[in-house]
Structure formats: structure tokens, C-alpha cells
Amino acid sequence: MNGTDRHTGLIMEFFATAAARRSVRAYRGTAVEPDKLDRILRTANLAPSAGDLQAYAIVAVRQAETRTVLAAAAHGQGFLAQAPVVLVFCSDPQRSAARYAERGKRLFSIQDATIAASHAQLAATALGLGCCWVGAFDERMVAQILAIPAGLHPVCMLTIGHAAEQPERTPRRPLSELVHQETFRT
């Protein structure tokens, strides 16, 4: 892939994509094109994972009624109902534990799900769509709403749609606060 979206002619270099990504919480009523959703899901599938086990699952939610109930489970974050697509990323601890024991169960499966979600988020941005990572929700309610099998755990939700807003970039911490050379220092 050379960074060219053959469907829209959009060319967005990786660093520009990363810089353009914003948390969009207002969406137009336009549906996400099936080919774009397919590209987002295929990009999530390319994400690296511990042992290449892909210890996660994704539930793609397009039904308005289900998105409305998910918004309630997300402590009333109404934009989940407004977004035409919500992707729910679930960790699969047992899949990871089979190779990596407790650390795989406790950590690697969560990392796998979040890396896949991050890839999906950047893919949505590169395709000119808005998205927002949602981590605040009642895990049990979401699992029940989506009939997620026992043993899988919803980790995050990603709203996707055509943006009805262009949020400003929020301030970022300077690298001097984030990066420590050779050892951790304050």
C-alpha cells in the first residue's frame, strides 16, 4: 500500500494522518460507505499482536437501536447513538494465555485489542472519517447488549462517521515531560 486511497483519491502520508486525528463527537447523518468500513476493519486486522495470536474480537454495530443502548451503557455519551458505526473491541484473554500464561491473560490480550483499535482509528482518519475512542462504559452492560461470549471483555469502543465538527487539537505535553533518556528521571 502506498498511502493512496484508490476509492477517493485521498493521499495522506502517515505523519499527516496521525496529526489530523481528532476525537470527533458530532456526526452527520450520512452512512459510512461499506468499502471504507471494510478498509478500516482490514487495517485493524493488520495490527501487530503478541505472538501474532490476535487475541481480540471486533463487534461492528450499525443498528440505531443498539447504538442508542450502547450510549446509555457509556454513561450517557449520546454521540455513540449519533455515529453511524460503533466498533467494539474485545480482548480474548484465554487465546493469549494459551501461549503467554498469566501475563498474556492479564495484559497482552488487552494490548492486542487496543493496538487493533488504534489502527482502525488511524485508518478512519486516513479515509476522511471522524472517530472517537470511548473507554468509559459499563463493561457488563456492553457485553450483555452485544451478546459477547463469556471470557471476552469489551475494552474500548470506536465511533466512526462523517464528522459534523472539526475539533481543535488539544494541547500535548512536551516531550521533555514524557521521554526519559536511559533511566527514568523527574
N, C-alpha and C. Protein backbone atom coordinates (compact mmCIF):
# COMPACT_ATOMS: atom_id res chain seq x y z
N MET A 1 0.85 -1.18 0.00
CA MET A 1 0.00 0.00 0.00
C MET A 1 0.89 1.23 0.00
N ASN A 2 0.62 2.17 -0.87
CA ASN A 2 1.47 3.35 -1.00
C ASN A 2 0.86 4.59 -0.37
N GLY A 3 -0.19 4.43 0.43
CA GLY A 3 -0.81 5.57 1.08
C GLY A 3 -1.90 6.22 0.24
N THR A 4 -2.18 5.67 -0.93
CA THR A 4 -3.20 6.23 -1.80
C THR A 4 -4.50 5.47 -1.62
N ASP A 5 -5.56 6.18 -1.38
CA ASP A 5 -6.88 5.57 -1.29
C ASP A 5 -7.47 5.60 -2.70
N ARG A 6 -7.52 4.43 -3.35
CA ARG A 6 -7.99 4.36 -4.73
C ARG A 6 -9.45 4.78 -4.88
N HIS A 7 -10.22 4.69 -3.81
CA HIS A 7 -11.65 4.99 -3.89
C HIS A 7 -11.95 6.49 -3.89
N THR A 8 -11.15 7.27 -3.21
CA THR A 8 -11.45 8.70 -3.11
C THR A 8 -10.34 9.59 -3.64
N GLY A 9 -9.21 9.00 -3.98
CA GLY A 9 -8.10 9.80 -4.45
C GLY A 9 -7.38 10.53 -3.32
N LEU A 10 -7.77 10.25 -2.08
CA LEU A 10 -7.16 10.91 -0.93
C LEU A 10 -5.77 10.35 -0.70
N ILE A 11 -4.79 11.23 -0.64
CA ILE A 11 -3.44 10.82 -0.31
C ILE A 11 -3.10 11.46 1.03
N MET A 12 -2.82 10.63 2.01
CA MET A 12 -2.46 11.16 3.31
C MET A 12 -1.28 10.38 3.85
N GLU A 13 -0.19 11.03 3.96
CA GLU A 13 1.02 10.43 4.49
C GLU A 13 0.80 10.11 5.97
N PHE A 14 1.47 9.09 6.48
CA PHE A 14 1.24 8.61 7.84
C PHE A 14 1.31 9.72 8.88
N PHE A 15 2.35 10.53 8.85
CA PHE A 15 2.51 11.56 9.88
C PHE A 15 1.41 12.61 9.80
N ALA A 16 0.95 12.90 8.60
CA ALA A 16 -0.18 13.82 8.44
C ALA A 16 -1.46 13.18 8.99
N THR A 17 -1.61 11.88 8.77
CA THR A 17 -2.77 11.17 9.31
C THR A 17 -2.77 11.24 10.83
N ALA A 18 -1.63 10.93 11.43
CA ALA A 18 -1.54 10.97 12.89
C ALA A 18 -1.82 12.37 13.42
N ALA A 19 -1.32 13.39 12.74
CA ALA A 19 -1.54 14.77 13.18
C ALA A 19 -2.99 15.21 12.96
N ALA A 20 -3.66 14.66 11.96
CA ALA A 20 -5.04 15.05 11.65
C ALA A 20 -6.07 14.40 12.56
N ARG A 21 -5.71 13.30 13.23
CA ARG A 21 -6.67 12.59 14.04
C ARG A 21 -7.16 13.44 15.21
N ARG A 22 -8.46 13.49 15.37
CA ARG A 22 -9.09 14.21 16.48
C ARG A 22 -10.20 13.33 17.05
N SER A 23 -10.62 13.62 18.26
CA SER A 23 -11.76 12.93 18.85
C SER A 23 -13.03 13.66 18.42
N VAL A 24 -13.72 13.08 17.45
CA VAL A 24 -14.93 13.67 16.89
C VAL A 24 -16.14 13.12 17.65
N ARG A 25 -16.99 14.03 18.12
CA ARG A 25 -18.17 13.63 18.88
C ARG A 25 -19.47 14.14 18.27
N ALA A 26 -19.40 14.61 17.03
CA ALA A 26 -20.61 15.05 16.31
C ALA A 26 -20.50 14.52 14.88
N TYR A 27 -21.57 13.86 14.44
CA TYR A 27 -21.55 13.20 13.13
C TYR A 27 -22.74 13.62 12.29
N ARG A 28 -22.51 13.70 10.98
CA ARG A 28 -23.61 13.93 10.04
C ARG A 28 -24.42 12.65 9.94
N GLY A 29 -25.59 12.72 9.41
CA GLY A 29 -26.46 11.55 9.28
C GLY A 29 -26.09 10.62 8.15
N THR A 30 -24.98 10.84 7.51
CA THR A 30 -24.56 10.04 6.36
C THR A 30 -23.97 8.71 6.81
N ALA A 31 -24.37 7.63 6.17
CA ALA A 31 -23.83 6.31 6.49
C ALA A 31 -22.37 6.22 6.06
N VAL A 32 -21.62 5.40 6.75
CA VAL A 32 -20.24 5.11 6.34
C VAL A 32 -20.31 4.13 5.18
N GLU A 33 -19.59 4.45 4.13
CA GLU A 33 -19.58 3.62 2.94
C GLU A 33 -19.04 2.23 3.28
N PRO A 34 -19.70 1.15 2.80
CA PRO A 34 -19.25 -0.20 3.12
C PRO A 34 -17.78 -0.47 2.78
N ASP A 35 -17.30 0.06 1.66
CA ASP A 35 -15.90 -0.18 1.31
C ASP A 35 -14.95 0.50 2.29
N LYS A 36 -15.34 1.65 2.83
CA LYS A 36 -14.50 2.32 3.83
C LYS A 36 -14.49 1.53 5.14
N LEU A 37 -15.65 1.05 5.56
CA LEU A 37 -15.70 0.25 6.77
C LEU A 37 -14.86 -1.02 6.59
N ASP A 38 -14.95 -1.63 5.43
CA ASP A 38 -14.16 -2.81 5.14
C ASP A 38 -12.66 -2.50 5.24
N ARG A 39 -12.24 -1.37 4.70
CA ARG A 39 -10.82 -0.99 4.77
C ARG A 39 -10.38 -0.74 6.21
N ILE A 40 -11.25 -0.14 7.00
CA ILE A 40 -10.93 0.09 8.42
C ILE A 40 -10.75 -1.24 9.13
N LEU A 41 -11.67 -2.17 8.91
CA LEU A 41 -11.58 -3.48 9.57
C LEU A 41 -10.37 -4.27 9.07
N ARG A 42 -10.06 -4.18 7.79
CA ARG A 42 -8.88 -4.86 7.26
C ARG A 42 -7.60 -4.26 7.84
N THR A 43 -7.59 -2.96 8.08
CA THR A 43 -6.43 -2.32 8.69
C THR A 43 -6.28 -2.75 10.14
N ALA A 44 -7.39 -2.85 10.87
CA ALA A 44 -7.33 -3.36 12.25
C ALA A 44 -6.74 -4.76 12.26
N ASN A 45 -7.10 -5.56 11.27
CA ASN A 45 -6.62 -6.93 11.17
C ASN A 45 -5.12 -7.00 10.89
N LEU A 46 -4.53 -5.92 10.40
CA LEU A 46 -3.09 -5.87 10.14
C LEU A 46 -2.27 -5.53 11.39
N ALA A 47 -2.95 -5.15 12.46
CA ALA A 47 -2.24 -4.70 13.66
C ALA A 47 -1.37 -5.81 14.23
N PRO A 48 -0.20 -5.43 14.73
CA PRO A 48 0.64 -6.43 15.39
C PRO A 48 -0.02 -6.91 16.68
N SER A 49 0.30 -8.13 17.07
CA SER A 49 -0.23 -8.67 18.32
C SER A 49 0.79 -9.64 18.92
N ALA A 50 0.67 -9.86 20.21
CA ALA A 50 1.61 -10.74 20.90
C ALA A 50 1.55 -12.14 20.29
N GLY A 51 2.67 -12.62 19.83
CA GLY A 51 2.74 -13.94 19.23
C GLY A 51 1.91 -14.08 17.98
N ASP A 52 1.48 -12.98 17.40
CA ASP A 52 0.59 -12.97 16.24
C ASP A 52 -0.69 -13.76 16.50
N LEU A 53 -1.14 -13.76 17.76
CA LEU A 53 -2.34 -14.52 18.14
C LEU A 53 -3.64 -13.77 17.87
N GLN A 54 -3.56 -12.45 17.72
CA GLN A 54 -4.75 -11.63 17.54
C GLN A 54 -5.80 -11.98 18.60
N ALA A 55 -5.42 -11.79 19.84
CA ALA A 55 -6.28 -12.16 20.97
C ALA A 55 -7.34 -11.08 21.22
N TYR A 56 -8.17 -10.86 20.21
CA TYR A 56 -9.26 -9.89 20.31
C TYR A 56 -10.34 -10.24 19.30
N ALA A 57 -11.47 -9.61 19.47
CA ALA A 57 -12.59 -9.72 18.53
C ALA A 57 -13.18 -8.32 18.39
N ILE A 58 -13.84 -8.08 17.27
CA ILE A 58 -14.46 -6.78 17.00
C ILE A 58 -15.93 -6.99 16.70
N VAL A 59 -16.79 -6.22 17.34
CA VAL A 59 -18.21 -6.22 17.02
C VAL A 59 -18.51 -4.89 16.31
N ALA A 60 -18.99 -4.98 15.06
CA ALA A 60 -19.36 -3.78 14.29
C ALA A 60 -20.85 -3.55 14.47
N VAL A 61 -21.19 -2.39 15.03
CA VAL A 61 -22.59 -2.07 15.33
C VAL A 61 -23.05 -0.94 14.44
N ARG A 62 -24.09 -1.21 13.63
CA ARG A 62 -24.66 -0.19 12.75
C ARG A 62 -26.13 0.09 13.09
N GLN A 63 -26.80 -0.79 13.78
CA GLN A 63 -28.22 -0.59 14.07
C GLN A 63 -28.41 0.55 15.07
N ALA A 64 -29.28 1.48 14.72
CA ALA A 64 -29.51 2.68 15.54
C ALA A 64 -29.96 2.33 16.95
N GLU A 65 -30.84 1.36 17.09
CA GLU A 65 -31.35 0.99 18.42
C GLU A 65 -30.23 0.48 19.31
N THR A 66 -29.35 -0.31 18.74
CA THR A 66 -28.24 -0.86 19.52
C THR A 66 -27.27 0.24 19.91
N ARG A 67 -26.99 1.16 18.99
CA ARG A 67 -26.08 2.27 19.30
C ARG A 67 -26.66 3.15 20.42
N THR A 68 -27.96 3.31 20.43
CA THR A 68 -28.62 4.11 21.48
C THR A 68 -28.44 3.45 22.84
N VAL A 69 -28.60 2.14 22.90
CA VAL A 69 -28.43 1.42 24.16
C VAL A 69 -26.96 1.44 24.58
N LEU A 70 -26.05 1.35 23.61
CA LEU A 70 -24.62 1.46 23.94
C LEU A 70 -24.30 2.82 24.52
N ALA A 71 -24.93 3.87 24.00
CA ALA A 71 -24.71 5.22 24.53
C ALA A 71 -25.12 5.29 26.00
N ALA A 72 -26.23 4.65 26.33
CA ALA A 72 -26.67 4.61 27.73
C ALA A 72 -25.66 3.84 28.59
N ALA A 73 -25.14 2.73 28.06
CA ALA A 73 -24.15 1.93 28.79
C ALA A 73 -22.83 2.68 28.93
N ALA A 74 -22.63 3.68 28.10
CA ALA A 74 -21.42 4.51 28.14
C ALA A 74 -21.69 5.79 28.93
N HIS A 75 -22.51 5.66 29.96
CA HIS A 75 -22.80 6.76 30.88
C HIS A 75 -23.39 7.97 30.18
N GLY A 76 -24.26 7.69 29.19
CA GLY A 76 -24.99 8.76 28.53
C GLY A 76 -24.21 9.53 27.49
N GLN A 77 -23.15 8.96 26.94
CA GLN A 77 -22.39 9.64 25.89
C GLN A 77 -23.17 9.50 24.58
N GLY A 78 -24.05 10.46 24.34
CA GLY A 78 -25.01 10.41 23.24
C GLY A 78 -24.42 10.32 21.85
N PHE A 79 -23.18 10.74 21.68
CA PHE A 79 -22.59 10.71 20.34
C PHE A 79 -22.42 9.27 19.83
N LEU A 80 -22.44 8.28 20.73
CA LEU A 80 -22.39 6.89 20.28
C LEU A 80 -23.64 6.55 19.48
N ALA A 81 -24.76 7.10 19.87
CA ALA A 81 -26.00 6.86 19.14
C ALA A 81 -26.00 7.62 17.81
N GLN A 82 -25.33 8.74 17.77
CA GLN A 82 -25.31 9.58 16.58
C GLN A 82 -24.36 9.03 15.50
N ALA A 83 -23.27 8.40 15.91
CA ALA A 83 -22.29 7.86 14.95
C ALA A 83 -22.93 6.69 14.20
N PRO A 84 -22.77 6.63 12.89
CA PRO A 84 -23.39 5.55 12.13
C PRO A 84 -22.77 4.18 12.36
N VAL A 85 -21.53 4.14 12.89
CA VAL A 85 -20.86 2.87 13.18
C VAL A 85 -20.17 2.98 14.54
N VAL A 86 -20.31 1.93 15.33
CA VAL A 86 -19.54 1.80 16.56
C VAL A 86 -18.84 0.45 16.49
N LEU A 87 -17.52 0.48 16.59
CA LEU A 87 -16.75 -0.76 16.66
C LEU A 87 -16.40 -1.02 18.12
N VAL A 88 -16.71 -2.20 18.59
CA VAL A 88 -16.42 -2.58 19.97
C VAL A 88 -15.30 -3.61 19.93
N PHE A 89 -14.18 -3.27 20.53
CA PHE A 89 -13.00 -4.13 20.56
C PHE A 89 -12.98 -4.88 21.88
N CYS A 90 -12.91 -6.21 21.78
CA CYS A 90 -12.94 -7.07 22.95
C CYS A 90 -11.64 -7.86 23.06
N SER A 91 -11.13 -7.95 24.27
CA SER A 91 -9.95 -8.78 24.49
C SER A 91 -10.38 -10.24 24.64
N ASP A 92 -9.48 -11.15 24.27
CA ASP A 92 -9.72 -12.58 24.39
C ASP A 92 -8.58 -13.16 25.23
N PRO A 93 -8.69 -13.02 26.56
CA PRO A 93 -7.60 -13.41 27.46
C PRO A 93 -7.15 -14.86 27.31
N GLN A 94 -8.09 -15.77 27.11
CA GLN A 94 -7.71 -17.19 27.02
C GLN A 94 -6.87 -17.48 25.78
N ARG A 95 -7.18 -16.80 24.70
CA ARG A 95 -6.40 -17.01 23.47
C ARG A 95 -4.93 -16.64 23.71
N SER A 96 -4.71 -15.56 24.43
CA SER A 96 -3.36 -15.11 24.73
C SER A 96 -2.72 -15.96 25.83
N ALA A 97 -3.50 -16.38 26.82
CA ALA A 97 -2.98 -17.17 27.93
C ALA A 97 -2.47 -18.53 27.48
N ALA A 98 -3.02 -19.05 26.39
CA ALA A 98 -2.59 -20.36 25.90
C ALA A 98 -1.09 -20.38 25.62
N ARG A 99 -0.54 -19.25 25.22
CA ARG A 99 0.90 -19.18 24.95
C ARG A 99 1.66 -18.42 26.03
N TYR A 100 1.03 -17.40 26.60
CA TYR A 100 1.76 -16.49 27.48
C TYR A 100 1.30 -16.52 28.94
N ALA A 101 0.52 -17.49 29.31
CA ALA A 101 0.08 -17.68 30.70
C ALA A 101 -0.57 -16.42 31.26
N GLU A 102 -0.27 -16.12 32.50
CA GLU A 102 -0.95 -15.03 33.21
C GLU A 102 -0.70 -13.66 32.58
N ARG A 103 0.51 -13.38 32.15
CA ARG A 103 0.79 -12.07 31.55
C ARG A 103 0.00 -11.90 30.26
N GLY A 104 -0.12 -12.95 29.47
CA GLY A 104 -0.93 -12.90 28.26
C GLY A 104 -2.39 -12.63 28.58
N LYS A 105 -2.87 -13.33 29.60
CA LYS A 105 -4.28 -13.19 30.01
C LYS A 105 -4.56 -11.79 30.54
N ARG A 106 -3.67 -11.30 31.39
CA ARG A 106 -3.89 -10.04 32.08
C ARG A 106 -3.55 -8.82 31.23
N LEU A 107 -2.55 -8.94 30.33
CA LEU A 107 -2.05 -7.77 29.64
C LEU A 107 -2.07 -7.88 28.11
N PHE A 108 -1.49 -8.93 27.56
CA PHE A 108 -1.29 -9.00 26.12
C PHE A 108 -2.59 -8.93 25.33
N SER A 109 -3.64 -9.59 25.82
CA SER A 109 -4.90 -9.56 25.07
C SER A 109 -5.49 -8.15 25.05
N ILE A 110 -5.30 -7.41 26.12
CA ILE A 110 -5.77 -6.01 26.15
C ILE A 110 -4.94 -5.17 25.18
N GLN A 111 -3.64 -5.39 25.19
CA GLN A 111 -2.78 -4.67 24.26
C GLN A 111 -3.17 -4.99 22.82
N ASP A 112 -3.41 -6.26 22.52
CA ASP A 112 -3.80 -6.65 21.16
C ASP A 112 -5.05 -5.89 20.72
N ALA A 113 -6.07 -5.85 21.58
CA ALA A 113 -7.32 -5.17 21.24
C ALA A 113 -7.11 -3.68 21.03
N THR A 114 -6.30 -3.06 21.88
CA THR A 114 -6.12 -1.61 21.77
C THR A 114 -5.24 -1.23 20.59
N ILE A 115 -4.27 -2.07 20.25
CA ILE A 115 -3.46 -1.78 19.06
C ILE A 115 -4.33 -1.88 17.81
N ALA A 116 -5.19 -2.89 17.76
CA ALA A 116 -6.11 -3.03 16.62
C ALA A 116 -7.03 -1.81 16.54
N ALA A 117 -7.53 -1.35 17.68
CA ALA A 117 -8.41 -0.17 17.70
C ALA A 117 -7.66 1.07 17.23
N SER A 118 -6.41 1.20 17.63
CA SER A 118 -5.60 2.34 17.19
C SER A 118 -5.39 2.31 15.68
N HIS A 119 -5.13 1.13 15.14
CA HIS A 119 -5.00 1.01 13.68
C HIS A 119 -6.31 1.42 13.00
N ALA A 120 -7.44 0.98 13.54
CA ALA A 120 -8.74 1.33 12.97
C ALA A 120 -8.97 2.84 13.03
N GLN A 121 -8.57 3.44 14.13
CA GLN A 121 -8.74 4.89 14.30
C GLN A 121 -7.94 5.66 13.26
N LEU A 122 -6.70 5.25 13.04
CA LEU A 122 -5.88 5.93 12.03
C LEU A 122 -6.40 5.67 10.62
N ALA A 123 -6.90 4.47 10.37
CA ALA A 123 -7.47 4.16 9.06
C ALA A 123 -8.69 5.04 8.79
N ALA A 124 -9.55 5.20 9.79
CA ALA A 124 -10.73 6.06 9.63
C ALA A 124 -10.30 7.49 9.31
N THR A 125 -9.30 7.99 9.99
CA THR A 125 -8.79 9.34 9.74
C THR A 125 -8.25 9.45 8.32
N ALA A 126 -7.46 8.46 7.91
CA ALA A 126 -6.87 8.48 6.57
C ALA A 126 -7.94 8.45 5.48
N LEU A 127 -9.09 7.87 5.79
CA LEU A 127 -10.20 7.80 4.83
C LEU A 127 -11.10 9.03 4.89
N GLY A 128 -10.73 10.02 5.71
CA GLY A 128 -11.51 11.26 5.81
C GLY A 128 -12.70 11.17 6.73
N LEU A 129 -12.73 10.16 7.59
CA LEU A 129 -13.84 9.99 8.52
C LEU A 129 -13.44 10.48 9.91
N GLY A 130 -14.44 10.82 10.71
CA GLY A 130 -14.21 11.19 12.09
C GLY A 130 -14.35 9.95 12.96
N CYS A 131 -13.69 9.98 14.11
CA CYS A 131 -13.80 8.85 15.03
C CYS A 131 -13.50 9.34 16.45
N CYS A 132 -13.91 8.53 17.41
CA CYS A 132 -13.61 8.85 18.81
C CYS A 132 -13.48 7.55 19.60
N TRP A 133 -12.42 7.47 20.36
CA TRP A 133 -12.15 6.34 21.25
C TRP A 133 -13.00 6.53 22.50
N VAL A 134 -13.74 5.51 22.89
CA VAL A 134 -14.57 5.56 24.09
C VAL A 134 -14.12 4.45 25.03
N GLY A 135 -13.69 4.84 26.20
CA GLY A 135 -13.25 3.86 27.20
C GLY A 135 -14.13 3.83 28.43
N ALA A 136 -14.97 4.86 28.61
CA ALA A 136 -15.83 4.96 29.78
C ALA A 136 -17.18 4.32 29.48
N PHE A 137 -17.37 3.10 29.96
CA PHE A 137 -18.64 2.40 29.79
C PHE A 137 -18.72 1.26 30.80
N ASP A 138 -19.93 0.77 30.99
CA ASP A 138 -20.17 -0.36 31.86
C ASP A 138 -19.91 -1.63 31.06
N GLU A 139 -18.80 -2.28 31.36
CA GLU A 139 -18.36 -3.45 30.60
C GLU A 139 -19.42 -4.55 30.58
N ARG A 140 -20.04 -4.82 31.72
CA ARG A 140 -21.05 -5.88 31.78
C ARG A 140 -22.26 -5.56 30.91
N MET A 141 -22.69 -4.30 30.95
CA MET A 141 -23.84 -3.90 30.13
C MET A 141 -23.52 -4.05 28.64
N VAL A 142 -22.35 -3.60 28.23
CA VAL A 142 -21.96 -3.69 26.82
C VAL A 142 -21.90 -5.15 26.40
N ALA A 143 -21.31 -5.99 27.23
CA ALA A 143 -21.22 -7.43 26.92
C ALA A 143 -22.62 -8.03 26.77
N GLN A 144 -23.53 -7.63 27.64
CA GLN A 144 -24.90 -8.15 27.58
C GLN A 144 -25.63 -7.64 26.33
N ILE A 145 -25.52 -6.37 26.05
CA ILE A 145 -26.20 -5.76 24.89
C ILE A 145 -25.77 -6.45 23.60
N LEU A 146 -24.48 -6.75 23.49
CA LEU A 146 -23.93 -7.29 22.24
C LEU A 146 -23.81 -8.82 22.24
N ALA A 147 -24.31 -9.47 23.30
CA ALA A 147 -24.24 -10.93 23.42
C ALA A 147 -22.80 -11.42 23.24
N ILE A 148 -21.87 -10.71 23.88
CA ILE A 148 -20.46 -11.08 23.81
C ILE A 148 -20.26 -12.34 24.66
N PRO A 149 -19.63 -13.36 24.10
CA PRO A 149 -19.47 -14.61 24.84
C PRO A 149 -18.67 -14.43 26.12
N ALA A 150 -18.97 -15.27 27.12
CA ALA A 150 -18.21 -15.27 28.37
C ALA A 150 -16.75 -15.50 28.03
N GLY A 151 -15.89 -14.80 28.73
CA GLY A 151 -14.47 -14.93 28.50
C GLY A 151 -13.89 -13.80 27.66
N LEU A 152 -14.71 -13.16 26.85
CA LEU A 152 -14.27 -11.98 26.09
C LEU A 152 -14.67 -10.74 26.88
N HIS A 153 -13.87 -9.68 26.77
CA HIS A 153 -14.13 -8.46 27.55
C HIS A 153 -14.07 -7.22 26.67
N PRO A 154 -15.15 -6.43 26.62
CA PRO A 154 -15.10 -5.16 25.89
C PRO A 154 -14.03 -4.25 26.51
N VAL A 155 -13.13 -3.76 25.67
CA VAL A 155 -12.02 -2.93 26.14
C VAL A 155 -12.24 -1.47 25.75
N CYS A 156 -12.68 -1.25 24.51
CA CYS A 156 -12.93 0.11 24.06
C CYS A 156 -13.95 0.08 22.92
N MET A 157 -14.56 1.22 22.70
CA MET A 157 -15.48 1.39 21.58
C MET A 157 -14.94 2.53 20.73
N LEU A 158 -15.13 2.41 19.43
CA LEU A 158 -14.66 3.42 18.50
C LEU A 158 -15.85 3.86 17.65
N THR A 159 -16.24 5.13 17.79
CA THR A 159 -17.30 5.67 16.94
C THR A 159 -16.68 6.09 15.62
N ILE A 160 -17.41 5.86 14.54
CA ILE A 160 -16.90 6.22 13.20
C ILE A 160 -18.04 6.82 12.39
N GLY A 161 -17.74 7.90 11.68
CA GLY A 161 -18.73 8.51 10.80
C GLY A 161 -18.16 9.74 10.12
N HIS A 162 -19.01 10.36 9.32
CA HIS A 162 -18.64 11.62 8.65
C HIS A 162 -18.79 12.74 9.68
N ALA A 163 -17.71 13.43 9.94
CA ALA A 163 -17.67 14.43 11.01
C ALA A 163 -18.58 15.61 10.71
N ALA A 164 -19.26 16.07 11.76
CA ALA A 164 -20.06 17.29 11.69
C ALA A 164 -19.38 18.39 12.50
N GLU A 165 -18.15 18.16 12.87
CA GLU A 165 -17.36 19.15 13.61
C GLU A 165 -15.89 18.94 13.26
N GLN A 166 -15.10 19.95 13.53
CA GLN A 166 -13.66 19.86 13.33
C GLN A 166 -12.99 20.34 14.62
N PRO A 167 -12.85 19.43 15.58
CA PRO A 167 -12.28 19.84 16.87
C PRO A 167 -10.84 20.34 16.72
N GLU A 168 -10.51 21.29 17.55
CA GLU A 168 -9.13 21.78 17.60
C GLU A 168 -8.27 20.71 18.27
N ARG A 169 -7.00 20.72 17.95
CA ARG A 169 -6.07 19.82 18.63
C ARG A 169 -5.96 20.24 20.08
N THR A 170 -6.03 19.28 20.96
CA THR A 170 -5.84 19.59 22.38
C THR A 170 -4.35 19.72 22.67
N PRO A 171 -4.00 20.48 23.67
CA PRO A 171 -2.57 20.66 23.98
C PRO A 171 -1.92 19.31 24.32
N ARG A 172 -0.69 19.16 23.90
CA ARG A 172 0.07 17.95 24.18
C ARG A 172 1.18 18.30 25.17
N ARG A 173 1.53 17.34 26.00
CA ARG A 173 2.65 17.53 26.92
C ARG A 173 3.95 17.59 26.11
N PRO A 174 4.88 18.41 26.53
CA PRO A 174 6.17 18.46 25.81
C PRO A 174 6.92 17.13 25.98
N LEU A 175 7.69 16.77 24.97
CA LEU A 175 8.47 15.54 25.03
C LEU A 175 9.39 15.50 26.24
N SER A 176 9.84 16.67 26.68
CA SER A 176 10.73 16.71 27.84
C SER A 176 10.06 16.17 29.11
N GLU A 177 8.73 16.19 29.16
CA GLU A 177 7.99 15.61 30.29
C GLU A 177 7.70 14.14 30.08
N LEU A 178 7.61 13.71 28.84
CA LEU A 178 7.20 12.35 28.52
C LEU A 178 8.35 11.37 28.37
N VAL A 179 9.44 11.84 27.80
CA VAL A 179 10.54 10.96 27.42
C VAL A 179 11.68 11.09 28.42
N HIS A 180 12.15 9.94 28.86
CA HIS A 180 13.28 9.89 29.79
C HIS A 180 14.38 9.09 29.10
N GLN A 181 15.57 9.64 29.07
CA GLN A 181 16.68 9.01 28.37
C GLN A 181 17.44 8.06 29.30
N GLU A 182 17.52 6.81 28.88
CA GLU A 182 18.30 5.75 29.54
C GLU A 182 17.71 5.29 30.87
N THR A 183 17.33 6.19 31.76
CA THR A 183 16.65 5.83 33.02
C THR A 183 15.53 6.83 33.23
N PHE A 184 14.63 6.48 34.14
CA PHE A 184 13.52 7.39 34.45
C PHE A 184 14.03 8.46 35.39
N ARG A 185 13.77 9.71 35.04
CA ARG A 185 14.16 10.79 35.92
C ARG A 185 13.02 11.81 35.95
N THR A 186 12.90 12.51 37.07
CA THR A 186 11.84 13.52 37.19
C THR A 186 12.44 14.90 37.18
